[in-house]
C-alpha atoms as a PDB file:
ATOM      1  CA  MET A   1      -2.860 -23.932  30.688  1.00  0.00           C
ATOM      2  CA  THR A   2      -2.987 -26.506  27.917  1.00  0.00           C
ATOM      3  CA  ASP A   3      -5.431 -29.357  28.380  1.00  0.00           C
ATOM      4  CA  LEU A   4      -3.354 -32.556  28.580  1.00  0.00           C
ATOM      5  CA  HIS A   5      -6.231 -34.413  26.985  1.00  0.00           C
ATOM      6  CA  GLU A   6      -6.526 -32.034  24.060  1.00  0.00           C
ATOM      7  CA  PRO A   7      -5.873 -34.009  20.848  1.00  0.00           C
ATOM      8  CA  LYS A   8      -2.862 -33.289  18.696  1.00  0.00           C
ATOM      9  CA  MET A   9      -3.363 -31.566  15.388  1.00  0.00           C
ATOM     10  CA  THR A  10      -3.875 -33.771  12.382  1.00  0.00           C
ATOM     11  CA  ALA A  11      -1.400 -33.888   9.505  1.00  0.00           C
ATOM     12  CA  ALA A  12      -3.783 -31.791   7.422  1.00  0.00           C
ATOM     13  CA  GLU A  13      -4.091 -29.225  10.218  1.00  0.00           C
ATOM     14  CA  CYS A  14      -0.308 -29.086  10.607  1.00  0.00           C
ATOM     15  CA  ALA A  15       0.104 -28.510   6.859  1.00  0.00           C
ATOM     16  CA  GLU A  16      -2.489 -25.782   7.032  1.00  0.00           C
ATOM     17  CA  LEU A  17      -0.708 -24.205   9.985  1.00  0.00           C
ATOM     18  CA  LYS A  18       2.621 -24.211   8.130  1.00  0.00           C
ATOM     19  CA  THR A  19       0.968 -22.271   5.310  1.00  0.00           C
ATOM     20  CA  LEU A  20      -0.540 -19.891   7.859  1.00  0.00           C
ATOM     21  CA  VAL A  21       2.833 -19.375   9.536  1.00  0.00           C
ATOM     22  CA  ASN A  22       4.399 -18.453   6.195  1.00  0.00           C
ATOM     23  CA  GLU A  23       1.562 -16.044   5.452  1.00  0.00           C
ATOM     24  CA  TYR A  24       1.757 -14.433   8.891  1.00  0.00           C
ATOM     25  CA  ALA A  25       5.498 -13.893   8.440  1.00  0.00           C
ATOM     26  CA  ARG A  26       5.080 -12.505   4.928  1.00  0.00           C
ATOM     27  CA  LEU A  27       2.415 -10.020   5.997  1.00  0.00           C
ATOM     28  CA  GLU A  28       4.368  -8.884   9.054  1.00  0.00           C
ATOM     29  CA  ILE A  29       7.456  -8.254   6.933  1.00  0.00           C
ATOM     30  CA  GLN A  30       5.279  -6.133   4.638  1.00  0.00           C
ATOM     31  CA  ARG A  31       4.071  -4.190   7.681  1.00  0.00           C
ATOM     32  CA  VAL A  32       7.668  -3.740   8.851  1.00  0.00           C
ATOM     33  CA  ARG A  33       8.698  -2.273   5.493  1.00  0.00           C
ATOM     34  CA  ALA A  34       5.635  -0.017   5.342  1.00  0.00           C
ATOM     35  CA  LEU A  35       6.225   1.230   8.874  1.00  0.00           C
ATOM     36  CA  GLY A  36       9.905   1.744   8.078  1.00  0.00           C
ATOM     37  CA  ALA A  37       8.955   3.928   5.099  1.00  0.00           C
ATOM     38  CA  ASP A  38       6.575   5.952   7.296  1.00  0.00           C
ATOM     39  CA  ARG A  39       9.239   6.374   9.977  1.00  0.00           C
ATOM     40  CA  LEU A  40      11.761   7.559   7.379  1.00  0.00           C
ATOM     41  CA  ALA A  41       9.299  10.090   5.978  1.00  0.00           C
ATOM     42  CA  GLU A  42       8.642  11.376   9.509  1.00  0.00           C
ATOM     43  CA  LEU A  43      12.370  11.661  10.194  1.00  0.00           C
ATOM     44  CA  ASN A  44      13.003  13.568   6.969  1.00  0.00           C
ATOM     45  CA  ALA A  45      10.147  15.956   7.766  1.00  0.00           C
ATOM     46  CA  GLN A  46      11.570  16.528  11.243  1.00  0.00           C
ATOM     47  CA  ILE A  47      15.069  17.080   9.830  1.00  0.00           C
ATOM     48  CA  GLU A  48      13.668  19.783   7.516  1.00  0.00           C
ATOM     49  CA  ALA A  49      11.734  21.410  10.367  1.00  0.00           C
ATOM     50  CA  ASN A  50      14.802  21.426  12.607  1.00  0.00           C
ATOM     51  CA  LEU A  51      17.040  22.931   9.928  1.00  0.00           C
ATOM     52  CA  LYS A  52      14.434  25.593   9.167  1.00  0.00           C
ATOM     53  CA  ALA A  53      14.244  26.445  12.878  1.00  0.00           C
ATOM     54  CA  GLU A  54      18.053  26.678  13.023  1.00  0.00           C
ATOM     55  CA  VAL A  55      18.142  29.079  10.071  1.00  0.00           C
ATOM     56  CA  SER A  56      15.437  31.195  11.695  1.00  0.00           C
ATOM     57  CA  GLY A  57      17.343  31.187  14.987  1.00  0.00           C
ATOM     58  CA  VAL A  58      20.552  32.261  13.273  1.00  0.00           C
ATOM     59  CA  ALA A  59      18.736  35.128  11.543  1.00  0.00           C
ATOM     60  CA  GLU A  60      17.292  36.280  14.861  1.00  0.00           C
ATOM     61  CA  LEU A  61      20.682  36.112  16.560  1.00  0.00           C
ATOM     62  CA  VAL A  62      22.363  38.007  13.735  1.00  0.00           C
ATOM     63  CA  GLY A  63      19.768  40.748  14.095  1.00  0.00           C
ATOM     64  CA  GLU A  64      20.572  41.033  17.788  1.00  0.00           C
ATOM     65  CA  MET A  65      24.296  41.096  17.033  1.00  0.00           C
ATOM     66  CA  GLN A  66      23.826  43.844  14.461  1.00  0.00           C
ATOM     67  CA  ALA A  67      22.013  45.948  17.034  1.00  0.00           C
ATOM     68  CA  MET A  68      24.824  45.370  19.531  1.00  0.00           C
ATOM     69  CA  ALA A  69      27.405  46.172  16.845  1.00  0.00           C
ATOM     70  CA  ALA A  70      25.662  49.454  16.015  1.00  0.00           C
ATOM     71  CA  GLU A  71      25.710  50.415  19.680  1.00  0.00           C
ATOM     72  CA  ALA A  72      29.380  49.419  19.976  1.00  0.00           C
ATOM     73  CA  ASP A  73      30.262  51.363  16.810  1.00  0.00           C
ATOM     74  CA  ALA A  74      28.867  54.539  18.324  1.00  0.00           C
ATOM     75  CA  LYS A  75      31.175  54.118  21.314  1.00  0.00           C
ATOM     76  CA  ILE A  76      34.100  53.187  19.047  1.00  0.00           C
ATOM     77  CA  ARG A  77      33.546  56.297  16.923  1.00  0.00           C
ATOM     78  CA  THR A  78      33.547  58.560  19.984  1.00  0.00           C
ATOM     79  CA  ARG A  79      36.674  56.957  21.395  1.00  0.00           C
ATOM     80  CA  ALA A  80      38.431  57.019  18.012  1.00  0.00           C
ATOM     81  CA  GLU A  81      37.797  60.757  17.737  1.00  0.00           C
ATOM     82  CA  GLU A  82      39.259  61.223  21.216  1.00  0.00           C
ATOM     83  CA  LEU A  83      42.387  59.324  20.138  1.00  0.00           C
ATOM     84  CA  GLY A  84      42.632  61.197  16.849  1.00  0.00           C
ATOM     85  CA  ILE A  85      42.195  58.059  14.735  1.00  0.00           C
ATOM     86  CA  HIS A  86      41.378  58.720  11.082  1.00  0.00           C
ATOM     87  CA  PRO A  87      37.871  57.431  10.144  1.00  0.00           C
ATOM     88  CA  GLU A  88      39.323  55.059   7.525  1.00  0.00           C
ATOM     89  CA  LEU A  89      41.426  53.373  10.219  1.00  0.00           C
ATOM     90  CA  ARG A  90      38.669  53.193  12.786  1.00  0.00           C
ATOM     91  CA  PRO A  91      37.653  49.606  13.727  1.00  0.00           C
ATOM     92  CA  ASN A  92      34.106  48.558  12.947  1.00  0.00           C
ATOM     93  CA  ALA A  93      32.358  46.180  15.368  1.00  0.00           C
ATOM     94  CA  GLY A  94      30.374  44.704  12.513  1.00  0.00           C
ATOM     95  CA  ASP A  95      33.595  43.410  10.957  1.00  0.00           C
ATOM     96  CA  PHE A  96      34.095  40.974  13.808  1.00  0.00           C
ATOM     97  CA  PHE A  97      31.122  38.739  13.213  1.00  0.00           C
ATOM     98  CA  ARG A  98      29.551  37.020  10.277  1.00  0.00           C
ATOM     99  CA  ARG A  99      26.375  35.126   9.657  1.00  0.00           C
ATOM    100  CA  PRO A 100      27.208  31.408   9.521  1.00  0.00           C
ATOM    101  CA  ALA A 101      25.355  29.356   6.957  1.00  0.00           C
ATOM    102  CA  VAL A 102      23.899  25.945   7.665  1.00  0.00           C
ATOM    103  CA  PRO A 103      26.259  23.538   5.822  1.00  0.00           C
ATOM    104  CA  PRO A 104      24.428  22.450   2.647  1.00  0.00           C
ATOM    105  CA  TRP A 105      25.665  18.901   3.068  1.00  0.00           C
ATOM    106  CA  ARG A 106      24.337  18.497   6.623  1.00  0.00           C
ATOM    107  CA  ARG A 107      20.790  17.874   5.393  1.00  0.00           C
ATOM    108  CA  ASP A 108      22.067  15.115   3.082  1.00  0.00           C
ATOM    109  CA  GLN A 109      24.126  13.547   5.864  1.00  0.00           C
ATOM    110  CA  LEU A 110      21.208  13.520   8.290  1.00  0.00           C
ATOM    111  CA  ARG A 111      18.907  12.053   5.644  1.00  0.00           C
ATOM    112  CA  GLN A 112      21.459   9.359   4.833  1.00  0.00           C
ATOM    113  CA  LEU A 113      21.868   8.542   8.516  1.00  0.00           C
ATOM    114  CA  ALA A 114      18.101   8.232   8.876  1.00  0.00           C
ATOM    115  CA  LYS A 115      17.907   5.977   5.798  1.00  0.00           C
ATOM    116  CA  ASP A 116      20.774   3.776   7.031  1.00  0.00           C
ATOM    117  CA  LYS A 117      19.215   3.450  10.463  1.00  0.00           C
ATOM    118  CA  ILE A 118      15.765   2.556   9.141  1.00  0.00           C
ATOM    119  CA  GLU A 119      17.225   0.007   6.725  1.00  0.00           C
ATOM    120  CA  ALA A 120      19.278  -1.543   9.525  1.00  0.00           C
ATOM    121  CA  THR A 121      16.237  -1.919  11.798  1.00  0.00           C
ATOM    122  CA  ILE A 122      14.169  -3.370   8.937  1.00  0.00           C
ATOM    123  CA  ARG A 123      16.839  -6.001   8.277  1.00  0.00           C
ATOM    124  CA  GLN A 124      16.948  -6.877  11.982  1.00  0.00           C
ATOM    125  CA  ALA A 125      13.153  -7.074  12.112  1.00  0.00           C
ATOM    126  CA  GLU A 126      12.971  -9.358   9.071  1.00  0.00           C
ATOM    127  CA  THR A 127      15.589 -11.636  10.625  1.00  0.00           C
ATOM    128  CA  LYS A 128      13.555 -11.936  13.826  1.00  0.00           C
ATOM    129  CA  ILE A 129      10.357 -12.648  11.910  1.00  0.00           C
ATOM    130  CA  ASN A 130      12.056 -15.305   9.783  1.00  0.00           C
ATOM    131  CA  SER A 131      13.574 -16.825  12.935  1.00  0.00           C
ATOM    132  CA  TRP A 132      10.091 -17.017  14.425  1.00  0.00           C
ATOM    133  CA  LYS A 133       8.863 -18.733  11.254  1.00  0.00           C
ATOM    134  CA  VAL A 134      11.673 -21.315  11.330  1.00  0.00           C
ATOM    135  CA  ASP A 135      11.236 -21.991  15.056  1.00  0.00           C
ATOM    136  CA  THR A 136       7.493 -22.461  14.683  1.00  0.00           C
ATOM    137  CA  ARG A 137       7.802 -24.792  11.695  1.00  0.00           C
ATOM    138  CA  THR A 138      10.528 -26.737  13.518  1.00  0.00           C
ATOM    139  CA  GLU A 139       8.190 -27.304  16.448  1.00  0.00           C
ATOM    140  CA  LEU A 140       5.525 -28.540  14.077  1.00  0.00           C
ATOM    141  CA  LEU A 141       7.933 -31.035  12.567  1.00  0.00           C
ATOM    142  CA  ALA A 142       9.485 -32.138  15.850  1.00  0.00           C
ATOM    143  CA  ALA A 143       6.273 -32.998  17.635  1.00  0.00           C
ATOM    144  CA  GLY A 144       2.595 -32.683  17.066  1.00  0.00           C
ATOM    145  CA  LEU A 145       1.005 -29.614  18.605  1.00  0.00           C
ATOM    146  CA  THR A 146      -2.422 -29.070  20.026  1.00  0.00           C
ATOM    147  CA  LEU A 147      -4.527 -26.250  18.647  1.00  0.00           C
ATOM    148  CA  THR A 148      -3.963 -24.293  21.869  1.00  0.00           C
ATOM    149  CA  ALA A 149      -0.179 -24.671  21.587  1.00  0.00           C
ATOM    150  CA  ALA A 150      -0.315 -23.687  17.940  1.00  0.00           C
ATOM    151  CA  ARG A 151      -2.212 -20.526  18.840  1.00  0.00           C
ATOM    152  CA  THR A 152       0.470 -19.702  21.432  1.00  0.00           C
ATOM    153  CA  PHE A 153       3.146 -19.932  18.741  1.00  0.00           C
ATOM    154  CA  LEU A 154       1.151 -17.712  16.378  1.00  0.00           C
ATOM    155  CA  ASP A 155       0.612 -15.125  19.099  1.00  0.00           C
ATOM    156  CA  ALA A 156       4.373 -15.023  19.701  1.00  0.00           C
ATOM    157  CA  LEU A 157       4.977 -13.431  16.300  1.00  0.00           C
ATOM    158  CA  PRO A 158       6.641 -10.031  16.993  1.00  0.00           C
ATOM    159  CA  THR A 159       4.826  -7.052  15.494  1.00  0.00           C
ATOM    160  CA  ALA A 160       6.258  -4.335  13.294  1.00  0.00           C
ATOM    161  CA  ALA A 161       5.681  -1.722  16.016  1.00  0.00           C
ATOM    162  CA  ASP A 162       7.649  -3.840  18.510  1.00  0.00           C
ATOM    163  CA  LEU A 163      10.508  -4.440  16.085  1.00  0.00           C
ATOM    164  CA  LEU A 164      11.044  -0.899  14.796  1.00  0.00           C
ATOM    165  CA  PRO A 165      12.082   1.482  17.580  1.00  0.00           C
ATOM    166  CA  THR A 166      11.310   5.166  17.224  1.00  0.00           C
ATOM    167  CA  ILE A 167      14.337   7.220  16.188  1.00  0.00           C
ATOM    168  CA  ALA A 168      14.824  10.794  17.378  1.00  0.00           C
ATOM    169  CA  VAL A 169      16.442  13.328  15.063  1.00  0.00           C
ATOM    170  CA  SER A 170      18.439  14.584  18.040  1.00  0.00           C
ATOM    171  CA  HIS A 171      20.180  11.202  18.180  1.00  0.00           C
ATOM    172  CA  LEU A 172      21.044  11.446  14.484  1.00  0.00           C
ATOM    173  CA  ASP A 173      22.503  14.888  15.176  1.00  0.00           C
ATOM    174  CA  GLU A 174      24.576  13.451  18.003  1.00  0.00           C
ATOM    175  CA  ALA A 175      25.861  10.618  15.806  1.00  0.00           C
ATOM    176  CA  LEU A 176      26.875  13.077  13.080  1.00  0.00           C
ATOM    177  CA  ASP A 177      28.432  15.550  15.516  1.00  0.00           C
ATOM    178  CA  SER A 178      30.405  12.778  17.229  1.00  0.00           C
ATOM    179  CA  LEU A 179      32.455  12.179  14.078  1.00  0.00           C
ATOM    180  CA  PRO A 180      36.001  13.622  14.255  1.00  0.00           C
ATOM    181  CA  ALA A 181      36.012  17.187  12.948  1.00  0.00           C
ATOM    182  CA  GLY A 182      38.394  16.324  10.117  1.00  0.00           C
ATOM    183  CA  ASP A 183      36.257  13.425   8.935  1.00  0.00           C
ATOM    184  CA  TRP A 184      32.831  14.938   8.584  1.00  0.00           C
ATOM    185  CA  VAL A 185      33.283  17.720   6.025  1.00  0.00           C
ATOM    186  CA  PRO A 186      32.632  15.991   2.686  1.00  0.00           C
ATOM    187  CA  GLU A 187      33.565  16.986  -0.797  1.00  0.00           C
ATOM    188  CA  PRO A 188      30.574  18.027  -2.952  1.00  0.00           C
ATOM    189  CA  GLY A 189      28.393  15.003  -3.564  1.00  0.00           C
ATOM    190  CA  GLN A 190      30.426  12.792  -1.239  1.00  0.00           C
ATOM    191  CA  TYR A 191      28.779  10.737   1.504  1.00  0.00           C
ATOM    192  CA  ILE A 192      30.796   9.834   4.569  1.00  0.00           C
ATOM    193  CA  GLY A 193      29.859   6.361   5.759  1.00  0.00           C
ATOM    194  CA  ILE A 194      28.968   5.948   9.403  1.00  0.00           C
ATOM    195  CA  ASP A 195      30.366   3.162  11.545  1.00  0.00           C
ATOM    196  CA  PRO A 196      27.587   0.495  11.817  1.00  0.00           C
ATOM    197  CA  GLU A 197      28.043   0.601  15.578  1.00  0.00           C
ATOM    198  CA  ARG A 198      26.669   4.139  15.496  1.00  0.00           C
ATOM    199  CA  LEU A 199      23.475   2.759  13.944  1.00  0.00           C
ATOM    200  CA  ALA A 200      22.838   0.089  16.596  1.00  0.00           C
ATOM    201  CA  PRO A 201      19.328   0.393  18.107  1.00  0.00           C
ATOM    202  CA  GLU A 202      20.697   0.915  21.606  1.00  0.00           C
ATOM    203  CA  ARG A 203      22.810   3.841  20.312  1.00  0.00           C
ATOM    204  CA  LEU A 204      20.048   5.693  18.450  1.00  0.00           C
ATOM    205  CA  ALA A 205      16.749   4.423  19.860  1.00  0.00           C
END
């Protein structure tokens, strides 16, 4: 609790505090941007790891399908001979499946989504920090503060970790997959913009 008898800050102290408030805000914005860059790098690394795992999983599944196809072909060959079907007309189980490729543009889309999301959260964080700066300076101008009250205002500065929520790659996948099927296959080099609502913290956090 603030001591009611604690003296107000002097004009010189208030001026010093204003400078300190500006410096606190500037440094926290720098931390926000640095953390945003780290988060983006982590997301891109996770995107690459996930895509690599998908490719590996597809290869494993294709191997299993080939084994099943070989077994089915043996049965098809026997049955075809029973029916007197010429070998050239005999169906081949392997003809009924193919190995799907991971769309080359999906990596770019996921990376762009991650970049858009990080940039959006950085802008929101900077706005909150600047709002804190304006509110604190306004209080200084409106009425003199005690040193204890001034410290309370300084401690209220939100941190970069509080302002930048962690983003999961799975949520980026969901945002991309939720686009209408006809809208998400781009031409080479084309980026499909995502509705800003899809990038809201509550949608992807």
